[in-house]
Amino acid sequence: MSEYINNREMRQNAIKEIIKKLHEGKSVEEVKQLFEEAFHGVSASEISAAETALIADGLPVEEVQKLCDVHASVFKGSIEEIHQPDNDPTLIPGHPLNVLIRENKKIVHIIENGIRPYLVLAKDNVKEEFIKLKEGVNQLKDLSIHYGKKENLLFPYMEKYGITAPPKVMWGVDDEIRNQVKETVELLDMNAEVNETLIQKIEKLLDKISEMIFKEENIMAPMLLEQLTQEEWKTIADESGEIGFMIDHVPKWNPAADDKGKEKTEIKEEGETGLIKLPSGEFKLEELTSMLNTLPFDITFVNKDDVVKYFSEGKERAFPRTKAIIGRNVSNCHPPASVHVVEKIVEDFKAGRKDQEDFWIKMAGKYILIRYYAVRSHEGEYLGVLEVTQDINPIQEITGEKRLLSE
């Protein structure tokens, strides 16, 4: 036991030392040797455990995020640490990991065929090549779909099994990539030609995307394969359509465990024949579910323990929601860069300092109003948070009057 504790402390101290050297300006290659010495023969899961412990002790996620490129560099040199089972799910059509691999192949295709070939020629002010370069970079906007499935479907299960540091770190890098894609698209739109600075920016972006592909397939995927059950993979596959795909023709995956899942659903339905009685009325379950899904806005409820318990499933969604978030801590449902804002809202609600907080953003042609309400009992006891999101563009366009009698 003492040897295990000593090894654990040694690895945590090694991580701190590496982060310090990165702060001092050392490159990935310069700290790689130190990382290899400390973690030689250690699995990705054990490295994750060391990072999780440091984050729990107060080390900011952003600091651990600096290690992400070091991870990939080391594992590329010792890929035998990461092994796939004989029955490789990545080869099963429709399996979430098969979809992940196929989408990554499309991303690589965009990089190698739609962007890199035109970088040099665009620099030489070849107009046609510059246009093709812009088209290629614009295709990278679809990365948000790929990352969205990872963050809303895969990360919740990693957290469920105690793998908490990698999701936080990877989400932070995902957001860096999203922001760099957006910035690059804007720069290409603003300029009529490519300069050396812009080329270097695009090259760094492409390298970062390629590194993330490696991390997803060789670090994240093996962690998931060690833990998830067939039924959990089936749930992820069924929920993926809510967010979307970067690829066409994703077949429905029907594993052998499917029958067991149906059996559970039928048992649940047998108990749904009664009425749900409320102080001011009553509903059949189907009536209540359909009514909530008919509301012209999305609602999500987080209980007093900061756990997501419910979300409505209307036809038009402001943000994707999947059933994987049910039971997830609300802090883990937001990017690392904004999670402190959410935590402050919840803290203010619990303390009684506020009862409401509003935000509004423009996104994909929509004007989204996001409202948070403290939910309290009749006696004033804090019960949780209600989030309401709505596209208010149609409301802002309303003019004049329309009365019932005007028709």
Protein backbone atom coordinates (compact mmCIF):
# COMPACT_ATOMS: atom_id res chain seq x y z
CA MET A 1 0.00 0.00 0.00
CA SER A 2 2.77 2.43 0.94
CA GLU A 3 4.46 1.76 -2.42
CA TYR A 4 1.20 2.61 -4.21
CA ILE A 5 0.82 5.85 -2.25
CA ASN A 6 4.45 6.79 -2.92
CA ASN A 7 4.02 6.12 -6.65
CA ARG A 8 0.83 8.18 -6.72
CA GLU A 9 2.48 11.12 -4.96
CA MET A 10 5.53 10.82 -7.21
CA ARG A 11 3.37 11.04 -10.34
CA GLN A 12 1.43 14.02 -9.02
CA ASN A 13 4.68 15.82 -8.18
CA ALA A 14 6.00 14.98 -11.66
CA ILE A 15 2.90 16.55 -13.23
CA LYS A 16 3.39 19.70 -11.14
CA GLU A 17 7.04 19.88 -12.18
CA ILE A 18 6.18 19.47 -15.87
CA ILE A 19 3.49 22.18 -15.67
CA LYS A 20 6.03 24.48 -14.00
CA LYS A 21 8.52 23.90 -16.82
CA LEU A 22 5.83 24.54 -19.44
CA HIS A 23 5.08 27.82 -17.64
CA GLU A 24 8.76 28.70 -17.88
CA GLY A 25 8.58 28.37 -21.64
CA LYS A 26 9.87 24.84 -22.13
CA SER A 27 8.59 23.08 -25.25
CA VAL A 28 6.69 19.78 -25.39
CA GLU A 29 9.81 18.03 -26.63
CA GLU A 30 11.86 19.43 -23.74
CA VAL A 31 9.50 18.10 -21.04
CA LYS A 32 8.65 14.87 -22.86
CA GLN A 33 11.62 13.03 -21.35
CA LEU A 34 10.58 13.94 -17.80
CA PHE A 35 7.03 12.73 -18.49
CA GLU A 36 8.27 9.45 -19.98
CA GLU A 37 10.47 8.77 -16.97
CA ALA A 38 7.63 9.36 -14.51
CA PHE A 39 4.93 7.50 -16.44
CA HIS A 40 6.78 4.72 -18.26
CA GLY A 41 4.57 1.61 -18.43
CA VAL A 42 1.61 3.48 -16.92
CA SER A 43 -1.80 3.35 -18.62
CA ALA A 44 -3.80 6.38 -19.71
CA SER A 45 -6.28 5.62 -16.90
CA GLU A 46 -3.57 5.86 -14.24
CA ILE A 47 -2.37 9.19 -15.64
CA SER A 48 -5.99 10.35 -15.57
CA ALA A 49 -6.26 9.33 -11.91
CA ALA A 50 -3.17 11.39 -11.02
CA GLU A 51 -4.57 14.45 -12.82
CA THR A 52 -8.01 14.01 -11.24
CA ALA A 53 -6.44 13.98 -7.77
CA LEU A 54 -4.56 17.21 -8.50
CA ILE A 55 -7.70 18.95 -9.77
CA ALA A 56 -9.56 17.79 -6.65
CA ASP A 57 -6.76 19.36 -4.59
CA GLY A 58 -7.32 22.71 -6.29
CA LEU A 59 -5.06 22.69 -9.37
CA PRO A 60 -6.95 24.61 -12.11
CA VAL A 61 -8.16 22.57 -15.07
CA GLU A 62 -6.46 25.07 -17.37
CA GLU A 63 -3.09 24.09 -15.90
CA VAL A 64 -3.65 20.38 -16.50
CA GLN A 65 -4.80 21.28 -20.00
CA LYS A 66 -1.22 22.37 -20.78
CA LEU A 67 -0.24 18.68 -20.50
CA CYS A 68 -2.58 17.58 -23.29
CA ASP A 69 0.00 17.81 -26.08
CA VAL A 70 2.60 16.11 -23.86
CA HIS A 71 0.22 13.14 -23.42
CA ALA A 72 -0.21 12.70 -27.15
CA SER A 73 3.52 13.02 -27.82
CA VAL A 74 4.39 10.36 -25.25
CA PHE A 75 1.67 7.91 -26.26
CA LYS A 76 2.66 8.18 -29.91
CA GLY A 77 6.01 6.80 -28.85
CA SER A 78 4.52 3.93 -26.84
CA ILE A 79 1.22 3.12 -28.47
CA GLU A 80 1.40 -0.52 -27.28
CA GLU A 81 0.09 0.86 -23.97
CA ILE A 82 -3.25 1.44 -25.69
CA HIS A 83 -4.76 -1.78 -27.02
CA GLN A 84 -8.06 -2.60 -28.64
CA PRO A 85 -10.05 -5.75 -27.87
CA ASP A 86 -10.23 -8.52 -30.47
CA ASN A 87 -13.86 -7.66 -31.23
CA ASP A 88 -13.07 -4.08 -32.21
CA PRO A 89 -16.21 -1.85 -31.83
CA THR A 90 -14.65 0.71 -34.17
CA LEU A 91 -15.33 -1.74 -37.00
CA ILE A 92 -19.01 -2.26 -36.13
CA PRO A 93 -21.24 -0.04 -38.35
CA GLY A 94 -23.33 2.34 -36.24
CA HIS A 95 -21.37 1.80 -33.01
CA PRO A 96 -20.53 5.22 -31.47
CA LEU A 97 -16.79 4.52 -31.76
CA ASN A 98 -17.21 3.53 -35.40
CA VAL A 99 -18.99 6.85 -35.98
CA LEU A 100 -16.21 8.69 -34.13
CA ILE A 101 -13.53 7.06 -36.32
CA ARG A 102 -15.46 7.74 -39.53
CA GLU A 103 -15.96 11.38 -38.59
CA ASN A 104 -12.28 11.71 -37.75
CA LYS A 105 -11.42 10.29 -41.19
CA LYS A 106 -13.62 12.95 -42.76
CA ILE A 107 -11.86 15.63 -40.71
CA VAL A 108 -8.48 14.30 -41.90
CA HIS A 109 -9.80 14.31 -45.48
CA ILE A 110 -10.82 17.97 -45.16
CA ILE A 111 -7.39 18.87 -43.77
CA GLU A 112 -5.31 16.90 -46.26
CA ASN A 113 -7.42 17.47 -49.38
CA GLY A 114 -9.37 20.66 -48.76
CA ILE A 115 -6.88 22.87 -46.90
CA ARG A 116 -3.19 21.90 -46.95
CA PRO A 117 -2.85 21.66 -50.79
CA TYR A 118 -4.06 25.25 -51.17
CA LEU A 119 -2.03 26.95 -48.44
CA VAL A 120 1.14 27.59 -50.49
CA LEU A 121 -0.65 28.42 -53.73
CA ALA A 122 -3.01 30.78 -51.89
CA LYS A 123 0.05 32.56 -50.53
CA ASP A 124 1.16 33.11 -54.15
CA ASN A 125 -2.10 35.04 -54.65
CA VAL A 126 -3.75 32.43 -56.85
CA LYS A 127 -7.37 33.56 -56.54
CA GLU A 128 -8.94 30.19 -57.29
CA GLU A 129 -6.76 28.49 -54.67
CA PHE A 130 -7.62 31.15 -52.09
CA ILE A 131 -11.34 30.49 -52.64
CA LYS A 132 -10.81 26.72 -52.23
CA LEU A 133 -8.80 27.35 -49.06
CA LYS A 134 -11.69 29.35 -47.61
CA GLU A 135 -14.14 26.60 -48.54
CA GLY A 136 -11.97 23.99 -46.84
CA VAL A 137 -11.57 25.98 -43.61
CA ASN A 138 -15.32 26.67 -43.56
CA GLN A 139 -15.96 22.91 -43.51
CA LEU A 140 -14.16 22.77 -40.14
CA LYS A 141 -17.18 24.50 -38.59
CA ASP A 142 -18.80 21.03 -38.48
CA LEU A 143 -16.25 20.08 -35.81
CA SER A 144 -18.79 21.45 -33.32
CA ILE A 145 -21.10 18.53 -34.18
CA HIS A 146 -18.32 16.00 -33.59
CA TYR A 147 -17.20 17.62 -30.34
CA GLY A 148 -20.81 18.08 -29.23
CA LYS A 149 -21.42 14.31 -29.25
CA LYS A 150 -18.24 13.77 -27.27
CA GLU A 151 -19.10 16.40 -24.64
CA ASN A 152 -22.79 15.54 -24.26
CA LEU A 153 -22.73 11.76 -24.67
CA LEU A 154 -19.29 10.33 -23.95
CA PHE A 155 -18.10 12.64 -21.17
CA PRO A 156 -21.11 11.91 -18.89
CA TYR A 157 -20.21 8.22 -18.87
CA MET A 158 -16.54 8.96 -18.22
CA GLU A 159 -17.62 11.02 -15.20
CA LYS A 160 -19.97 8.23 -14.09
CA TYR A 161 -16.99 5.88 -13.83
CA GLY A 162 -14.80 8.39 -12.02
CA ILE A 163 -12.81 9.58 -15.06
CA THR A 164 -13.24 13.29 -14.38
CA ALA A 165 -10.02 15.06 -15.39
CA PRO A 166 -9.81 14.05 -19.11
CA PRO A 167 -13.32 15.34 -19.98
CA LYS A 168 -12.60 18.75 -18.43
CA VAL A 169 -9.22 19.01 -20.14
CA MET A 170 -10.46 17.81 -23.55
CA TRP A 171 -13.49 20.12 -23.45
CA GLY A 172 -11.15 23.04 -22.84
CA VAL A 173 -9.08 22.09 -25.90
CA ASP A 174 -12.26 21.56 -27.96
CA ASP A 175 -13.27 25.13 -27.18
CA GLU A 176 -9.82 26.40 -28.13
CA ILE A 177 -10.18 24.66 -31.50
CA ARG A 178 -13.71 26.02 -32.01
CA ASN A 179 -12.52 29.55 -31.28
CA GLN A 180 -9.51 29.20 -33.58
CA VAL A 181 -11.72 27.91 -36.40
CA LYS A 182 -14.08 30.86 -35.95
CA GLU A 183 -11.19 33.34 -35.85
CA THR A 184 -9.56 31.82 -38.95
CA VAL A 185 -12.82 31.92 -40.91
CA GLU A 186 -13.27 35.59 -39.98
CA LEU A 187 -9.70 36.44 -41.00
CA LEU A 188 -10.12 34.74 -44.37
CA ASP A 189 -13.38 36.64 -44.93
CA MET A 190 -11.71 39.95 -44.08
CA ASN A 191 -8.65 39.47 -46.31
CA ALA A 192 -8.35 39.07 -50.06
CA GLU A 193 -5.09 37.17 -49.79
CA VAL A 194 -3.07 35.01 -47.40
CA ASN A 195 0.04 36.19 -45.58
CA GLU A 196 2.69 34.26 -43.69
CA THR A 197 1.11 35.02 -40.30
CA LEU A 198 -2.25 33.62 -41.39
CA ILE A 199 -0.61 30.52 -42.87
CA GLN A 200 1.16 29.83 -39.57
CA LYS A 201 -2.14 30.30 -37.71
CA ILE A 202 -3.87 27.78 -39.99
CA GLU A 203 -0.99 25.29 -39.65
CA LYS A 204 -1.18 25.49 -35.84
CA LEU A 205 -4.94 24.96 -35.99
CA LEU A 206 -4.59 21.90 -38.21
CA ASP A 207 -1.91 20.44 -35.92
CA LYS A 208 -4.17 20.98 -32.89
CA ILE A 209 -7.09 19.25 -34.61
CA SER A 210 -4.86 16.32 -35.60
CA GLU A 211 -3.60 16.00 -32.02
CA MET A 212 -7.19 15.89 -30.76
CA ILE A 213 -8.01 13.10 -33.21
CA PHE A 214 -5.12 11.09 -31.80
CA LYS A 215 -6.24 11.72 -28.21
CA GLU A 216 -9.83 10.71 -28.95
CA GLU A 217 -8.88 7.44 -30.62
CA ASN A 218 -5.89 6.36 -28.53
CA ILE A 219 -6.54 7.79 -25.06
CA MET A 220 -10.27 8.51 -24.64
CA ALA A 221 -11.66 5.52 -26.58
CA PRO A 222 -9.68 2.87 -24.63
CA MET A 223 -10.81 4.44 -21.33
CA LEU A 224 -14.43 4.16 -22.45
CA LEU A 225 -14.00 0.59 -23.69
CA GLU A 226 -12.67 -0.44 -20.29
CA GLN A 227 -15.84 0.77 -18.54
CA LEU A 228 -18.99 1.03 -20.65
CA THR A 229 -21.52 -1.76 -20.98
CA GLN A 230 -23.18 -2.78 -24.25
CA GLU A 231 -26.42 -1.21 -23.04
CA GLU A 232 -24.68 2.11 -22.34
CA TRP A 233 -23.11 2.13 -25.82
CA LYS A 234 -26.59 1.46 -27.24
CA THR A 235 -27.97 4.47 -25.34
CA ILE A 236 -25.21 6.66 -26.76
CA ALA A 237 -25.92 5.40 -30.28
CA ASP A 238 -29.65 6.09 -29.93
CA GLU A 239 -29.05 9.60 -28.58
CA SER A 240 -26.45 10.64 -31.16
CA GLY A 241 -29.06 11.73 -33.69
CA GLU A 242 -30.16 14.49 -31.30
CA ILE A 243 -26.85 16.25 -31.93
CA GLY A 244 -26.21 15.15 -35.51
CA PHE A 245 -23.39 13.70 -37.61
CA MET A 246 -20.55 14.97 -39.79
CA ILE A 247 -21.01 11.97 -42.08
CA ASP A 248 -23.82 10.51 -44.17
CA HIS A 249 -25.39 7.07 -43.90
CA VAL A 250 -25.02 6.22 -40.23
CA PRO A 251 -26.79 2.85 -39.81
CA LYS A 252 -28.83 2.02 -36.72
CA TRP A 253 -26.81 -0.21 -34.42
CA ASN A 254 -28.76 -3.18 -32.98
CA PRO A 255 -26.57 -5.17 -30.58
CA ALA A 256 -27.69 -8.40 -28.88
CA ALA A 257 -28.38 -6.44 -25.66
CA ASP A 258 -31.18 -4.61 -27.47
CA ASP A 259 -33.85 -7.09 -26.34
CA LYS A 260 -32.91 -6.58 -22.69
CA GLY A 261 -33.29 -2.83 -23.14
CA LYS A 262 -36.78 -3.27 -24.62
CA GLU A 263 -37.79 -5.48 -21.72
CA LYS A 264 -36.84 -2.76 -19.25
CA THR A 265 -38.85 -0.19 -21.19
CA GLU A 266 -41.95 -2.39 -21.14
CA ILE A 267 -41.71 -2.90 -17.36
CA LYS A 268 -41.51 0.85 -16.89
CA GLU A 269 -44.56 1.44 -19.08
CA GLU A 270 -46.72 -0.93 -16.99
CA GLY A 271 -46.49 1.50 -14.09
CA GLU A 272 -47.53 4.50 -16.17
CA THR A 273 -51.29 3.95 -16.15
CA GLY A 274 -52.12 6.15 -13.13
CA LEU A 275 -52.58 9.90 -12.79
CA ILE A 276 -50.01 12.46 -11.68
CA LYS A 277 -51.85 14.60 -9.16
CA LEU A 278 -50.80 18.23 -8.64
CA PRO A 279 -52.26 20.85 -6.26
CA SER A 280 -54.12 22.55 -9.11
CA GLY A 281 -55.01 19.59 -11.32
CA GLU A 282 -53.97 16.19 -12.61
CA PHE A 283 -52.45 14.61 -15.73
CA LYS A 284 -51.92 11.32 -17.38
CA LEU A 285 -48.19 10.82 -17.95
CA GLU A 286 -48.61 11.12 -21.73
CA GLU A 287 -50.55 14.37 -21.32
CA LEU A 288 -47.95 15.95 -19.04
CA THR A 289 -45.01 14.85 -21.21
CA SER A 290 -46.66 16.11 -24.40
CA MET A 291 -47.67 19.40 -22.80
CA LEU A 292 -44.12 20.12 -21.58
CA ASN A 293 -42.72 19.23 -25.01
CA THR A 294 -45.22 21.58 -26.67
CA LEU A 295 -43.97 24.64 -24.79
CA PRO A 296 -42.35 27.17 -27.19
CA PHE A 297 -39.13 27.06 -25.19
CA ASP A 298 -36.79 24.49 -23.63
CA ILE A 299 -36.75 23.84 -19.90
CA THR A 300 -34.15 22.00 -17.84
CA PHE A 301 -34.39 21.31 -14.10
CA VAL A 302 -31.37 20.88 -11.81
CA ASN A 303 -32.15 19.78 -8.25
CA LYS A 304 -30.77 21.19 -4.98
CA ASP A 305 -27.82 18.79 -5.16
CA ASP A 306 -26.77 20.32 -8.52
CA VAL A 307 -27.83 17.20 -10.45
CA VAL A 308 -29.67 17.43 -13.80
CA LYS A 309 -33.03 15.69 -13.34
CA TYR A 310 -35.17 16.65 -16.34
CA PHE A 311 -35.29 18.46 -19.70
CA SER A 312 -38.13 18.97 -22.16
CA GLU A 313 -37.93 17.57 -25.69
CA GLY A 314 -39.59 20.13 -27.94
CA LYS A 315 -39.27 20.08 -31.73
CA GLU A 316 -37.07 23.17 -31.99
CA ARG A 317 -34.12 23.14 -29.60
CA ALA A 318 -31.83 26.03 -28.76
CA PHE A 319 -29.12 23.64 -27.50
CA PRO A 320 -28.78 19.87 -27.89
CA ARG A 321 -29.82 17.80 -24.89
CA THR A 322 -29.31 14.06 -24.53
CA LYS A 323 -30.53 11.68 -21.84
CA ALA A 324 -26.90 11.07 -20.89
CA ILE A 325 -26.96 14.34 -18.93
CA ILE A 326 -29.65 13.03 -16.54
CA GLY A 327 -27.87 12.43 -13.25
CA ARG A 328 -24.87 14.55 -14.33
CA ASN A 329 -23.56 17.34 -12.13
CA VAL A 330 -24.53 20.65 -13.73
CA SER A 331 -20.93 21.93 -13.53
CA ASN A 332 -19.87 19.14 -15.88
CA CYS A 333 -22.48 20.17 -18.46
CA HIS A 334 -20.68 23.41 -19.30
CA PRO A 335 -17.31 24.21 -20.89
CA PRO A 336 -14.47 24.79 -18.39
CA ALA A 337 -14.19 28.43 -19.49
CA SER A 338 -17.76 29.27 -18.37
CA VAL A 339 -18.42 26.78 -15.57
CA HIS A 340 -17.46 29.33 -12.90
CA VAL A 341 -20.35 31.55 -14.05
CA VAL A 342 -22.84 28.69 -13.63
CA GLU A 343 -21.44 27.83 -10.20
CA LYS A 344 -21.75 31.48 -9.10
CA ILE A 345 -25.42 31.61 -10.22
CA VAL A 346 -26.23 28.44 -8.27
CA GLU A 347 -24.33 29.74 -5.23
CA ASP A 348 -26.31 33.02 -5.30
CA PHE A 349 -29.62 31.13 -5.63
CA LYS A 350 -28.81 28.84 -2.71
CA ALA A 351 -27.77 31.79 -0.54
CA GLY A 352 -30.96 33.69 -1.42
CA ARG A 353 -29.05 36.60 -2.97
CA LYS A 354 -30.81 36.18 -6.32
CA ASP A 355 -33.89 34.50 -7.76
CA GLN A 356 -33.21 35.04 -11.47
CA GLU A 357 -30.34 35.57 -13.91
CA ASP A 358 -30.65 36.26 -17.65
CA PHE A 359 -28.26 36.01 -20.61
CA TRP A 360 -28.78 36.47 -24.35
CA ILE A 361 -26.64 35.41 -27.29
CA LYS A 362 -26.81 35.39 -31.10
CA MET A 363 -26.16 31.96 -32.58
CA ALA A 364 -26.77 30.40 -36.00
CA GLY A 365 -29.33 33.03 -37.00
CA LYS A 366 -31.16 32.80 -33.67
CA TYR A 367 -31.35 35.25 -30.79
CA ILE A 368 -31.31 32.99 -27.74
CA LEU A 369 -32.60 34.21 -24.38
CA ILE A 370 -31.30 32.05 -21.52
CA ARG A 371 -33.02 32.50 -18.17
CA TYR A 372 -32.20 30.85 -14.85
CA TYR A 373 -34.75 30.79 -12.03
CA ALA A 374 -34.32 29.66 -8.43
CA VAL A 375 -37.00 27.06 -7.63
CA ARG A 376 -38.21 27.34 -4.05
CA SER A 377 -40.87 25.60 -1.98
CA HIS A 378 -43.86 27.40 -0.51
CA GLU A 379 -41.79 27.87 2.65
CA GLY A 380 -38.88 29.34 0.66
CA GLU A 381 -36.63 26.28 0.79
CA TYR A 382 -34.24 26.05 -2.19
CA LEU A 383 -35.22 23.10 -4.41
CA GLY A 384 -33.10 23.68 -7.51
CA VAL A 385 -32.67 25.70 -10.71
CA LEU A 386 -34.94 25.97 -13.74
CA GLU A 387 -33.21 26.91 -17.02
CA VAL A 388 -35.45 28.31 -19.78
CA THR A 389 -34.06 28.93 -23.28
CA GLN A 390 -35.95 30.42 -26.21
CA ASP A 391 -35.30 31.90 -29.64
CA ILE A 392 -36.79 35.38 -29.23
CA ASN A 393 -36.24 36.50 -32.84
CA PRO A 394 -39.90 35.79 -33.81
CA ILE A 395 -41.13 37.66 -30.71
CA GLN A 396 -39.03 40.72 -31.51
CA GLU A 397 -40.57 40.86 -34.98
CA ILE A 398 -44.11 41.24 -33.59
CA THR A 399 -45.75 44.62 -34.31
CA GLY A 400 -49.22 46.06 -33.85
CA GLU A 401 -51.99 43.91 -32.42
CA LYS A 402 -53.78 40.66 -33.19
CA ARG A 403 -56.91 40.06 -31.14
CA LEU A 404 -59.05 36.95 -30.96
CA LEU A 405 -61.91 38.84 -32.56
CA SER A 406 -59.77 40.14 -35.43
CA GLU A 407 -59.92 36.80 -37.25
